[in-house]
Amino acid sequence: MFEKNLTKKMQDVVLDGQIAAKEVCRKINKPYSTLLRELNPFDTHAKLGAETMFDIIRVTRNVAVLEFMARELGYSLKPTGEEQKNKKSKSDGAAIMM
């Protein structure tokens, strides 16, 4: 169940984010149809790789998936450096706190 929830959250980041999905694809150098298939939680033949997931988070600057993962494992994320001062932007540097 965790895997499907995680994939669904990644799908939401891409499809419902502030950056258009096709722009995310262009920035991470992945074909649109391929990424949509990898983000489909019901497609058992395509999987989203960790590198692609990281690239999506980096491009969208949306750490909701990282927060979800940390919470599921009993941790929380804490912004570091400038991100802590500027809370209105999404963090690309965060510490995991237990």
N, C-alpha and C. Protein backbone atom coordinates (compact mmCIF):
# COMPACT_ATOMS: atom_id res chain seq x y z
N MET A 1 0.82 -1.20 0.00
CA MET A 1 0.00 0.00 0.00
C MET A 1 0.86 1.26 0.00
N PHE A 2 1.96 1.25 0.74
CA PHE A 2 2.86 2.41 0.79
C PHE A 2 3.34 2.78 -0.60
N GLU A 3 3.70 1.76 -1.40
CA GLU A 3 4.22 2.01 -2.75
C GLU A 3 3.20 2.73 -3.61
N LYS A 4 1.94 2.29 -3.59
CA LYS A 4 0.90 2.93 -4.39
C LYS A 4 0.63 4.35 -3.90
N ASN A 5 0.64 4.56 -2.59
CA ASN A 5 0.45 5.91 -2.05
C ASN A 5 1.58 6.83 -2.48
N LEU A 6 2.80 6.33 -2.44
CA LEU A 6 3.96 7.12 -2.83
C LEU A 6 3.89 7.47 -4.32
N THR A 7 3.55 6.50 -5.15
CA THR A 7 3.44 6.76 -6.58
C THR A 7 2.32 7.75 -6.85
N LYS A 8 1.20 7.63 -6.17
CA LYS A 8 0.08 8.57 -6.34
C LYS A 8 0.50 9.97 -5.94
N LYS A 9 1.24 10.10 -4.86
CA LYS A 9 1.70 11.42 -4.43
C LYS A 9 2.65 12.03 -5.46
N MET A 10 3.52 11.21 -6.04
CA MET A 10 4.40 11.71 -7.10
C MET A 10 3.59 12.13 -8.32
N GLN A 11 2.57 11.35 -8.65
CA GLN A 11 1.69 11.68 -9.77
C GLN A 11 1.02 13.04 -9.51
N ASP A 12 0.56 13.26 -8.30
CA ASP A 12 -0.08 14.53 -7.95
C ASP A 12 0.90 15.70 -8.06
N VAL A 13 2.14 15.49 -7.64
CA VAL A 13 3.15 16.54 -7.72
C VAL A 13 3.33 16.98 -9.18
N VAL A 14 3.37 16.01 -10.08
CA VAL A 14 3.60 16.32 -11.49
C VAL A 14 2.34 16.87 -12.16
N LEU A 15 1.22 16.21 -11.96
CA LEU A 15 0.01 16.60 -12.70
C LEU A 15 -0.73 17.79 -12.10
N ASP A 16 -0.60 18.00 -10.80
CA ASP A 16 -1.33 19.09 -10.14
C ASP A 16 -0.41 20.19 -9.64
N GLY A 17 0.84 20.15 -10.03
CA GLY A 17 1.81 21.13 -9.54
C GLY A 17 1.75 22.46 -10.23
N GLN A 18 2.58 23.37 -9.78
CA GLN A 18 2.63 24.72 -10.35
C GLN A 18 3.35 24.74 -11.70
N ILE A 19 4.15 23.72 -11.97
CA ILE A 19 4.84 23.61 -13.25
C ILE A 19 4.09 22.58 -14.09
N ALA A 20 3.81 22.91 -15.33
CA ALA A 20 3.09 21.98 -16.21
C ALA A 20 3.86 20.67 -16.35
N ALA A 21 3.14 19.57 -16.44
CA ALA A 21 3.75 18.24 -16.52
C ALA A 21 4.71 18.15 -17.70
N LYS A 22 4.35 18.71 -18.83
CA LYS A 22 5.23 18.65 -20.01
C LYS A 22 6.52 19.43 -19.78
N GLU A 23 6.45 20.50 -19.00
CA GLU A 23 7.64 21.27 -18.66
C GLU A 23 8.54 20.47 -17.71
N VAL A 24 7.94 19.77 -16.76
CA VAL A 24 8.70 18.89 -15.86
C VAL A 24 9.44 17.86 -16.70
N CYS A 25 8.73 17.24 -17.63
CA CYS A 25 9.34 16.23 -18.51
C CYS A 25 10.52 16.80 -19.29
N ARG A 26 10.33 17.99 -19.82
CA ARG A 26 11.41 18.62 -20.59
C ARG A 26 12.64 18.85 -19.70
N LYS A 27 12.40 19.33 -18.48
CA LYS A 27 13.50 19.65 -17.57
C LYS A 27 14.22 18.40 -17.06
N ILE A 28 13.53 17.28 -16.96
CA ILE A 28 14.19 16.06 -16.48
C ILE A 28 14.59 15.14 -17.64
N ASN A 29 14.31 15.61 -18.86
CA ASN A 29 14.70 14.88 -20.07
C ASN A 29 14.08 13.48 -20.13
N LYS A 30 12.75 13.45 -19.95
CA LYS A 30 12.01 12.19 -19.98
C LYS A 30 10.78 12.40 -20.85
N PRO A 31 10.50 11.47 -21.79
CA PRO A 31 9.29 11.61 -22.60
C PRO A 31 8.04 11.66 -21.74
N TYR A 32 7.11 12.52 -22.14
CA TYR A 32 5.87 12.73 -21.40
C TYR A 32 5.11 11.41 -21.20
N SER A 33 4.94 10.64 -22.25
CA SER A 33 4.17 9.39 -22.15
C SER A 33 4.86 8.40 -21.21
N THR A 34 6.18 8.37 -21.24
CA THR A 34 6.92 7.48 -20.35
C THR A 34 6.73 7.88 -18.89
N LEU A 35 6.86 9.17 -18.61
CA LEU A 35 6.72 9.62 -17.23
C LEU A 35 5.31 9.38 -16.71
N LEU A 36 4.30 9.67 -17.54
CA LEU A 36 2.93 9.42 -17.08
C LEU A 36 2.69 7.95 -16.78
N ARG A 37 3.29 7.10 -17.56
CA ARG A 37 3.15 5.67 -17.30
C ARG A 37 3.86 5.28 -16.00
N GLU A 38 5.05 5.82 -15.77
CA GLU A 38 5.78 5.53 -14.54
C GLU A 38 5.05 6.06 -13.31
N LEU A 39 4.30 7.14 -13.48
CA LEU A 39 3.57 7.75 -12.37
C LEU A 39 2.19 7.13 -12.12
N ASN A 40 1.78 6.23 -12.98
CA ASN A 40 0.48 5.60 -12.85
C ASN A 40 0.54 4.51 -11.77
N PRO A 41 -0.14 4.71 -10.63
CA PRO A 41 -0.05 3.72 -9.55
C PRO A 41 -0.68 2.38 -9.90
N PHE A 42 -1.43 2.31 -10.98
CA PHE A 42 -2.10 1.06 -11.35
C PHE A 42 -1.38 0.33 -12.48
N ASP A 43 -0.31 0.90 -13.01
CA ASP A 43 0.48 0.25 -14.06
C ASP A 43 1.56 -0.59 -13.38
N THR A 44 1.41 -1.88 -13.40
CA THR A 44 2.35 -2.76 -12.70
C THR A 44 3.60 -3.06 -13.52
N HIS A 45 3.65 -2.58 -14.76
CA HIS A 45 4.80 -2.88 -15.62
C HIS A 45 5.80 -1.73 -15.73
N ALA A 46 5.44 -0.56 -15.26
CA ALA A 46 6.34 0.59 -15.32
C ALA A 46 6.55 1.10 -13.90
N LYS A 47 7.78 1.37 -13.56
CA LYS A 47 8.10 1.84 -12.21
C LYS A 47 8.88 3.15 -12.29
N LEU A 48 8.64 4.01 -11.34
CA LEU A 48 9.35 5.27 -11.23
C LEU A 48 10.66 5.03 -10.48
N GLY A 49 11.76 5.35 -11.12
CA GLY A 49 13.07 5.17 -10.50
C GLY A 49 13.39 6.26 -9.49
N ALA A 50 14.29 5.95 -8.59
CA ALA A 50 14.68 6.91 -7.55
C ALA A 50 15.32 8.15 -8.15
N GLU A 51 16.14 7.99 -9.20
CA GLU A 51 16.78 9.14 -9.84
C GLU A 51 15.73 10.07 -10.45
N THR A 52 14.72 9.49 -11.10
CA THR A 52 13.66 10.30 -11.70
C THR A 52 12.87 11.00 -10.62
N MET A 53 12.58 10.28 -9.54
CA MET A 53 11.86 10.88 -8.43
C MET A 53 12.63 12.08 -7.87
N PHE A 54 13.92 11.91 -7.69
CA PHE A 54 14.75 13.01 -7.19
C PHE A 54 14.73 14.18 -8.17
N ASP A 55 14.84 13.90 -9.46
CA ASP A 55 14.81 14.96 -10.47
C ASP A 55 13.49 15.73 -10.42
N ILE A 56 12.38 15.03 -10.26
CA ILE A 56 11.07 15.69 -10.18
C ILE A 56 11.01 16.60 -8.96
N ILE A 57 11.47 16.11 -7.83
CA ILE A 57 11.46 16.92 -6.60
C ILE A 57 12.35 18.14 -6.78
N ARG A 58 13.51 17.96 -7.39
CA ARG A 58 14.44 19.07 -7.62
C ARG A 58 13.82 20.12 -8.53
N VAL A 59 13.19 19.69 -9.61
CA VAL A 59 12.61 20.61 -10.59
C VAL A 59 11.37 21.32 -10.03
N THR A 60 10.50 20.56 -9.37
CA THR A 60 9.25 21.15 -8.86
C THR A 60 9.45 21.87 -7.53
N ARG A 61 10.52 21.53 -6.83
CA ARG A 61 10.82 22.06 -5.50
C ARG A 61 9.68 21.75 -4.52
N ASN A 62 8.99 20.65 -4.77
CA ASN A 62 7.88 20.21 -3.93
C ASN A 62 8.36 19.01 -3.11
N VAL A 63 8.45 19.20 -1.81
CA VAL A 63 8.99 18.15 -0.93
C VAL A 63 7.90 17.34 -0.24
N ALA A 64 6.65 17.46 -0.71
CA ALA A 64 5.54 16.72 -0.09
C ALA A 64 5.81 15.22 -0.05
N VAL A 65 6.42 14.69 -1.09
CA VAL A 65 6.72 13.25 -1.14
C VAL A 65 7.78 12.90 -0.10
N LEU A 66 8.77 13.74 0.04
CA LEU A 66 9.80 13.49 1.06
C LEU A 66 9.19 13.55 2.46
N GLU A 67 8.29 14.51 2.67
CA GLU A 67 7.61 14.61 3.97
C GLU A 67 6.77 13.36 4.23
N PHE A 68 6.08 12.88 3.22
CA PHE A 68 5.28 11.65 3.34
C PHE A 68 6.17 10.47 3.71
N MET A 69 7.29 10.31 3.00
CA MET A 69 8.19 9.20 3.26
C MET A 69 8.74 9.27 4.69
N ALA A 70 9.18 10.45 5.08
CA ALA A 70 9.73 10.63 6.42
C ALA A 70 8.68 10.30 7.48
N ARG A 71 7.47 10.80 7.30
CA ARG A 71 6.39 10.55 8.26
C ARG A 71 6.08 9.06 8.38
N GLU A 72 6.04 8.36 7.24
CA GLU A 72 5.77 6.91 7.24
C GLU A 72 6.85 6.14 7.99
N LEU A 73 8.06 6.69 8.02
CA LEU A 73 9.18 6.02 8.69
C LEU A 73 9.42 6.55 10.10
N GLY A 74 8.57 7.46 10.56
CA GLY A 74 8.70 7.98 11.92
C GLY A 74 9.64 9.15 12.03
N TYR A 75 9.89 9.85 10.93
CA TYR A 75 10.77 11.01 10.93
C TYR A 75 9.99 12.24 10.48
N SER A 76 10.65 13.39 10.54
CA SER A 76 10.08 14.61 9.97
C SER A 76 11.20 15.34 9.25
N LEU A 77 10.83 16.22 8.35
CA LEU A 77 11.81 17.01 7.62
C LEU A 77 11.91 18.38 8.26
N LYS A 78 13.11 18.90 8.28
CA LYS A 78 13.34 20.24 8.81
C LYS A 78 14.20 20.98 7.79
N PRO A 79 13.72 22.12 7.29
CA PRO A 79 14.52 22.89 6.33
C PRO A 79 15.84 23.33 6.94
N THR A 80 16.86 23.45 6.12
CA THR A 80 18.16 23.91 6.58
C THR A 80 18.55 25.17 5.83
N GLY A 81 19.48 25.91 6.38
CA GLY A 81 20.05 27.07 5.72
C GLY A 81 19.03 28.13 5.35
N GLU A 82 19.15 28.67 4.15
CA GLU A 82 18.29 29.74 3.67
C GLU A 82 16.83 29.32 3.58
N GLU A 83 16.59 28.06 3.33
CA GLU A 83 15.21 27.58 3.21
C GLU A 83 14.44 27.78 4.50
N GLN A 84 15.11 27.70 5.63
CA GLN A 84 14.44 27.89 6.91
C GLN A 84 14.01 29.34 7.05
N LYS A 85 14.79 30.27 6.52
CA LYS A 85 14.47 31.69 6.59
C LYS A 85 13.35 32.06 5.63
N ASN A 86 13.28 31.34 4.51
CA ASN A 86 12.31 31.66 3.47
C ASN A 86 11.30 30.52 3.35
N LYS A 87 10.38 30.41 4.28
CA LYS A 87 9.46 29.26 4.35
C LYS A 87 8.43 29.24 3.23
N LYS A 88 8.26 30.33 2.49
CA LYS A 88 7.25 30.31 1.45
C LYS A 88 7.70 29.54 0.22
N SER A 89 9.01 29.27 0.07
CA SER A 89 9.48 28.45 -1.05
C SER A 89 9.64 27.02 -0.58
N LYS A 90 9.56 26.07 -1.52
CA LYS A 90 9.75 24.65 -1.20
C LYS A 90 11.24 24.41 -1.02
N SER A 91 11.58 23.52 -0.10
CA SER A 91 12.97 23.25 0.25
C SER A 91 13.61 22.25 -0.70
N ASP A 92 14.89 22.49 -1.03
CA ASP A 92 15.65 21.43 -1.70
C ASP A 92 16.78 20.98 -0.78
N GLY A 93 16.87 21.61 0.39
CA GLY A 93 17.81 21.17 1.41
C GLY A 93 17.02 20.96 2.69
N ALA A 94 17.00 19.77 3.18
CA ALA A 94 16.24 19.49 4.40
C ALA A 94 16.95 18.40 5.18
N ALA A 95 16.83 18.51 6.48
CA ALA A 95 17.39 17.48 7.35
C ALA A 95 16.25 16.59 7.82
N ILE A 96 16.52 15.32 7.97
CA ILE A 96 15.53 14.40 8.49
C ILE A 96 15.72 14.32 9.99
N MET A 97 14.66 14.59 10.72
CA MET A 97 14.71 14.60 12.18
C MET A 97 13.90 13.42 12.70
N MET A 98 14.40 12.82 13.76
CA MET A 98 13.68 11.69 14.37
C MET A 98 12.96 12.14 15.60
